[in-house]
Amino acid sequence: MLGGILSFHSSWKNREETYTHRPLPLECTSLNFRGFQFAQAMLFAIEEINNNTNLLPGISLGYKIYDACGSIARSVRAALALANGNDVVSAPSATPCTKPAQVQAIMGETSSSPCMAIATVIGPFHIPLISHYATCACLSDKTKYPSFLRTIPSDYYQSRALAQLVKHFGWSWVGAIRTNDDYGNSGMATFTESARQLGICLEYSVSFFRTDPPDKILKIINVIKASTSKVIIAFLSPSDMGVLIHEMSNHNLTGYQWVGSEGWISDSQTAEMNGHHILDGAIGLSIPKAHVRGMREFILNVKPLNSSGNEMFTEFWEALFSCKFKRSTANQRECTGGEDLTQVHNSFTDMSLMPIFNNVYKGVYAVAHALHSILGCNETCNDKVQLNPLTILQRIGSIQFKTKEGDKVYFNEDGDPAAEYEIINWQRAESGLVEFVTVGLYDASLPTDKQLNLHNTSLIWAQNSKQVPVSVCSENCPPGARKVLQKGKPVCCFDCIRCAEGEISNVADSVSCVRCHPEFWSNEGRDACVKKEAEFLSYEEIMGALLTTACLFGTCMTAVVALIFFRNRKTPIVRANNSELSFLLLFSLTLCFLCSLSFIGRPSEWSCMLRHTAFGITFVLCISCVLGKTMVVLMAFRARLPGRNGMKWFGPAQQRLSVLGFTLIQVIICILWLTISPPFPFKNFKEFKNKIILECALGSVVGFWAALGYIGILAILCFILAFLARKLPDNFNEAKFITFSMLIFCAVWITFIPAYVSSPGKFSVAVEIFAILASSFGLLICIFIPKCYIILYKPEKNTKKNIMGKVALK
């Protein structure tokens, strides 16, 4: 004996109980032809099994079917009646039964909420409950519903499939409407979580039930009107969808793209209600199409009954043919019982839910195969075996078979079948009728990236458009910008902020900008990093070329002076004040000019070490020579005073040693500097944002300032001595020119320090070169040019007598 709990009515009358007397039985309303179709499918399977000699030979299946009206309370009452063997049945089998009236399994219910209640009640008795249409993922929980199985996939897969479908078409801002029961609430909860993981946001998520008061439905209409999203996800039963369509038609709400669950997307009754084109272009998931030979004919082969035989069947017959067995008015057509069903076109004759009828068929066969196995059927069955509900439940859970159409039937550990869906699109034919066009497939058994497979079929969207609708809260951020969330709104609502300098985003909708590597900089579009321009003082640029020219000019000028001095080396003006120191000074000045060239060009490890140390040593050599010449002037004058003979203590040998000693100190400083922490090539990324400054890092700052400070000390000492000797009586007192040259030297290097520190990039190198050249030219011009002038243009003054003309003291 099989039980059936189906909804032959879709609603009931609400009563306000006074609690002063026993509540009246539920009064069912709104006849539901789908319930009759499911019942016919169940009877078809039972009759086919009873006529099959290979399955349960000698055993006949009977049935008891209850009308639940979609009510949870009525469903539980029916389940208890079936579990207790209650003989009050809605549609009894005509064949007398020899077995107890308790059923071995229950087929139904259609909705998830009644199934949860039924499974909770009959679970402790282990009576199998096999649903053909309850999809709530919560029913897969075997700890709560141990005896529940189903032949339709769980919404666990459908909700994820819908989320992937929405993501596929780029809809990130959608609305959601659900049935306020376990089917809608659980399915939408799973969809919401899956959508969140895929970056989809819900602008609103509202629920209702078909028995809700009109003002609640109106609130939902107002929510839709106020929304900005153009896509609506509808997790609704057909009955609830009908209520919503009716209300939306009253408000002429069209132009929305609907994405539907399997509950209504392939329901022809819902399509017939779409007279105002509200659901045009809808897309969604449906159970794969099925065909069962003989089922359509059986369902439509309804046998007429006498009006007094069965009240519900009488109601069904009258509604089917729009007639009355007992007319109350003359305008009503009288039922004869011989009406021709081929002349009727309504939801009962519609076979669009054949996949669901096939699920009913599979469920009945699953029970039959389990019983066949338990009873050890071969040619005959052992009808003396005591049937145990738990055994039947366990055997159904492990059974595997194929239907006559080749469909494989089995249940996983959660009591669910394999999850496969067709993706269908509502397209209006030339006749004006809605066609359910298959545009893709979804197979949950495949890898995630291959589960959704859309065919190259032209889709029709809302308002008969062929363009995919756009439903986003904010337009995509282009590369070069990042998303900044709008305060108080979901993550799909954002502003696009251009990436800062030095940062890029090379993909659309980037949540952050990536900082470029220090050697790279962002381009104008902020979507790619380009290599920074390396900047250093080169020979090719104008400033580098001018400084190089100045260096070479200074070198040539020094060489010319040296040549003039060499050719006139025996003249008094050259021999005066130690000609050897003069030639050594000219040599050091030549080195000073040439060492400037090491500052120009791309810095390398050797050039960095050379430029600072060469500069330091050559300048000390230069200043040492000048200092030696200054001391010679002082000693020479003091030697001519009575009782003074200072020159014997500062002769040529002592002059050479002083130059060597002063220079050796700088050499030691430079050696220590190069040993401890030498200068090295350095890429300066901080000076300029879009340039790399190639420069020489000092290494040891102490070493650099020690070398520079030592030069400064010698220069100041030289200046002081020369200043003291500037008025000594001599026709050609070199101390005056040394004083002036040291004044220039000190002025240049005092101004050098702030200029060097404040100059950016290659200009700091140019400042250093300029200081070297300026001080070198100052020494060369102030000390040697006056002598060259006398040698070349005033040779008459180049005599010992003229030079010694004013030796006497005044």
Foldseek 3Di string as FASTA:
>chain_A
DEEEEEAQAQAWDDDDDPPPDDDDDTGGDHGDLVRLLLVLLLVVLQVVQQPDLFFQHPDHDWYFYDHQNNDLVSLQVSLVCLQVQPPDGQDGDPDDDPDGSRHLAYEDDQEQQSVLSSQQNCVVQLRAYEYLHYAQPVLLPCVRRVRYFYAAHHLLVQLLVLLVVCVVLPAQEEAEEFEPGRQGVRSVVSNCVNNVVSNHDHPYYYYYHLPDDPVSLVVVVVVVVPDQFQEYEYRYALSVLLSNLVVCVVVLDARGEYEYEQRHPLQQVSQVSCPSLRHAFHKYWHADDDDDPPSLVSLLPDQFDDCPPHVSVQVVVCVQVVAHCDDPDPPGHHDDRPDDNVVTDDSSNDCSVVVSSVRSSLVSVLLSVLQCVQQVDDSHGNPVDDDRSNSSSVSSQQDWDADPVGDIDHAPPSNYDFHKIFMWTWDQDPVRGTDTHGFWMAGPVDPPVPRTGGHPDQGATTPRDSDSDYTFQDDKAAWQWEWDADPPDDPRHTDTGGDDKQWTGQHIHHHDTHGDDLQWIADPSRNDTHGFAEDAAACPDPLNVVLLVLLVVQLVVLVVLLVLCVVVVVFQVCPPLNVVLVNQLSVLLNLLSVLLNLRHDFDAFVSQLSSLLSNLLSLQLNLLSLLLSLVSLVQVLQCPDPPHNSCVVNDPVNSVVSSVVSSVVSVVLSVVQCVPFAWGWDWDSPLDVRYTFTDIDRGDPVSRVVSVVSSVVSLVVSLVSLVVSVPQWWLDRLSVLSNQLSVQLNVLVVVLVVQLVPDDGNVSSSSVSCSSSRSSVSNCCSRRVVVVCCVPPVVVCRHPCNGHVTSDDD
